[in-house]
Structure formats: structure tokens, C-alpha cells
Protein backbone atom coordinates (compact mmCIF):
# COMPACT_ATOMS: atom_id res chain seq x y z
CA MET A 1 113.76 96.00 109.91
CA THR A 2 111.68 99.09 110.42
CA VAL A 3 109.50 100.57 113.17
CA ARG A 4 106.09 102.02 112.46
CA LEU A 5 103.58 103.95 114.56
CA TRP A 6 100.33 102.52 113.16
CA SER A 7 96.94 102.17 114.82
CA ARG A 8 96.44 99.05 112.67
CA ASN A 9 98.62 97.01 110.32
CA GLN A 10 99.12 98.58 106.90
CA VAL A 11 100.84 95.47 105.48
CA ARG A 12 100.53 91.71 105.99
CA VAL A 13 103.08 88.96 106.59
CA GLY A 14 104.01 87.45 103.23
CA GLY A 15 102.85 90.54 101.36
CA ARG A 16 105.12 92.15 98.78
CA TYR A 17 105.37 95.92 98.55
CA PRO A 18 107.27 98.34 96.31
CA VAL A 19 109.82 100.47 98.17
CA GLY A 20 111.97 102.93 96.28
CA GLY A 21 113.11 101.11 93.16
CA GLY A 22 112.81 97.66 94.72
CA LEU A 23 110.40 95.20 96.26
CA ILE A 24 110.22 93.87 99.83
CA GLU A 25 108.39 90.94 101.39
CA ILE A 26 107.18 91.19 105.00
CA ASP A 27 108.53 88.38 107.21
CA SER A 28 106.98 89.35 110.55
CA ILE A 29 105.05 92.07 112.35
CA GLU A 30 105.33 92.46 116.11
CA GLU A 31 103.47 95.00 118.26
CA LEU A 32 105.53 96.10 121.26
CA PRO A 33 106.24 99.18 123.40
CA PHE A 34 108.91 101.48 122.01
CA ALA A 35 110.98 100.77 125.15
CA ALA A 36 111.49 97.20 123.83
CA ILE A 37 113.35 98.50 120.76
CA ASP A 38 117.00 97.73 121.50
CA ASP A 39 120.31 98.96 120.09
CA LEU A 40 120.43 96.15 117.52
CA ASP A 41 116.96 97.16 116.26
CA VAL A 42 118.13 100.77 116.00
CA ARG A 43 121.16 99.79 113.90
CA ARG A 44 119.12 97.43 111.72
CA ALA A 45 116.65 100.26 111.10
CA GLY A 46 119.56 102.37 109.82
CA GLU A 47 119.55 104.95 112.59
CA ALA A 48 122.38 106.17 114.81
CA ASP A 49 120.42 106.08 118.09
CA ARG A 50 116.99 105.43 119.64
CA GLU A 51 116.03 109.12 119.71
CA THR A 52 116.62 109.49 115.97
CA LEU A 53 114.53 106.36 115.33
CA ARG A 54 111.84 107.68 117.70
CA GLN A 55 111.68 110.98 115.79
CA ARG A 56 111.53 109.24 112.40
CA ALA A 57 108.78 106.86 113.50
CA ALA A 58 106.74 109.65 115.14
CA HIS A 59 105.27 110.98 111.90
CA SER A 60 101.68 110.53 113.15
CA GLY A 61 102.14 111.43 116.80
CA PRO A 62 104.58 111.53 119.70
CA ILE A 63 106.23 108.29 120.85
CA SER A 64 106.98 107.68 124.53
CA ASP A 65 108.64 104.54 125.85
CA ASP A 66 105.15 103.12 126.56
CA THR A 67 103.79 103.84 123.07
CA MET A 68 102.92 100.67 121.16
CA VAL A 69 104.73 100.47 117.82
CA ARG A 70 105.09 97.80 115.17
CA ARG A 71 108.44 96.22 114.38
CA LEU A 72 108.45 94.90 110.81
CA GLU A 73 110.99 92.38 109.59
CA PHE A 74 111.36 92.20 105.82
CA HIS A 75 113.72 91.17 103.05
CA ALA A 76 114.32 92.36 99.50
CA VAL A 77 112.91 90.18 96.72
CA ASP A 78 113.56 89.96 93.01
CA PRO A 79 110.57 91.59 91.26
CA THR A 80 110.63 89.03 88.43
């Protein structure tokens, strides 16, 4: 799971994308306010707390609790 601050989707459900040395497939994309990101989402995104996740996701602008973000669910796939 990851959170992105995008004005439009950059990936599509079912699409496969290289990440690091691997490949992921997008399972779902949900647009929601940052306030809806819960503690489980934070842990699944690999962050210690919501503020750290907020800072990481804010690469293209500030994120308030009302800011709409995209929650992407994905899984690793075998590239062969």
C-alpha cells in the first residue's frame, strides 16, 4: 500500500510497473481525504506515523487532513 498526492492517476488498476529491482501490479486505487488514512494504512505504507507518511507523500505540495490523496493497493509479481 502506498499514498500518492496526484492530480490524476499515474497508474491503472491491473497495470504492472517496475519498482526498484522488482515488479508490482496495481490492485486498487481509491481517492480519499488524507484524514481517512488510518494507523493500519500508515504501517502498511512502511512509515512510523501519519506525519512521516504525510511528509513523504507531500512531494508536490502540502497535505492537510482535507487534501485528497490516492491510496494504491498493490502486490509484487514475478517478472517472468
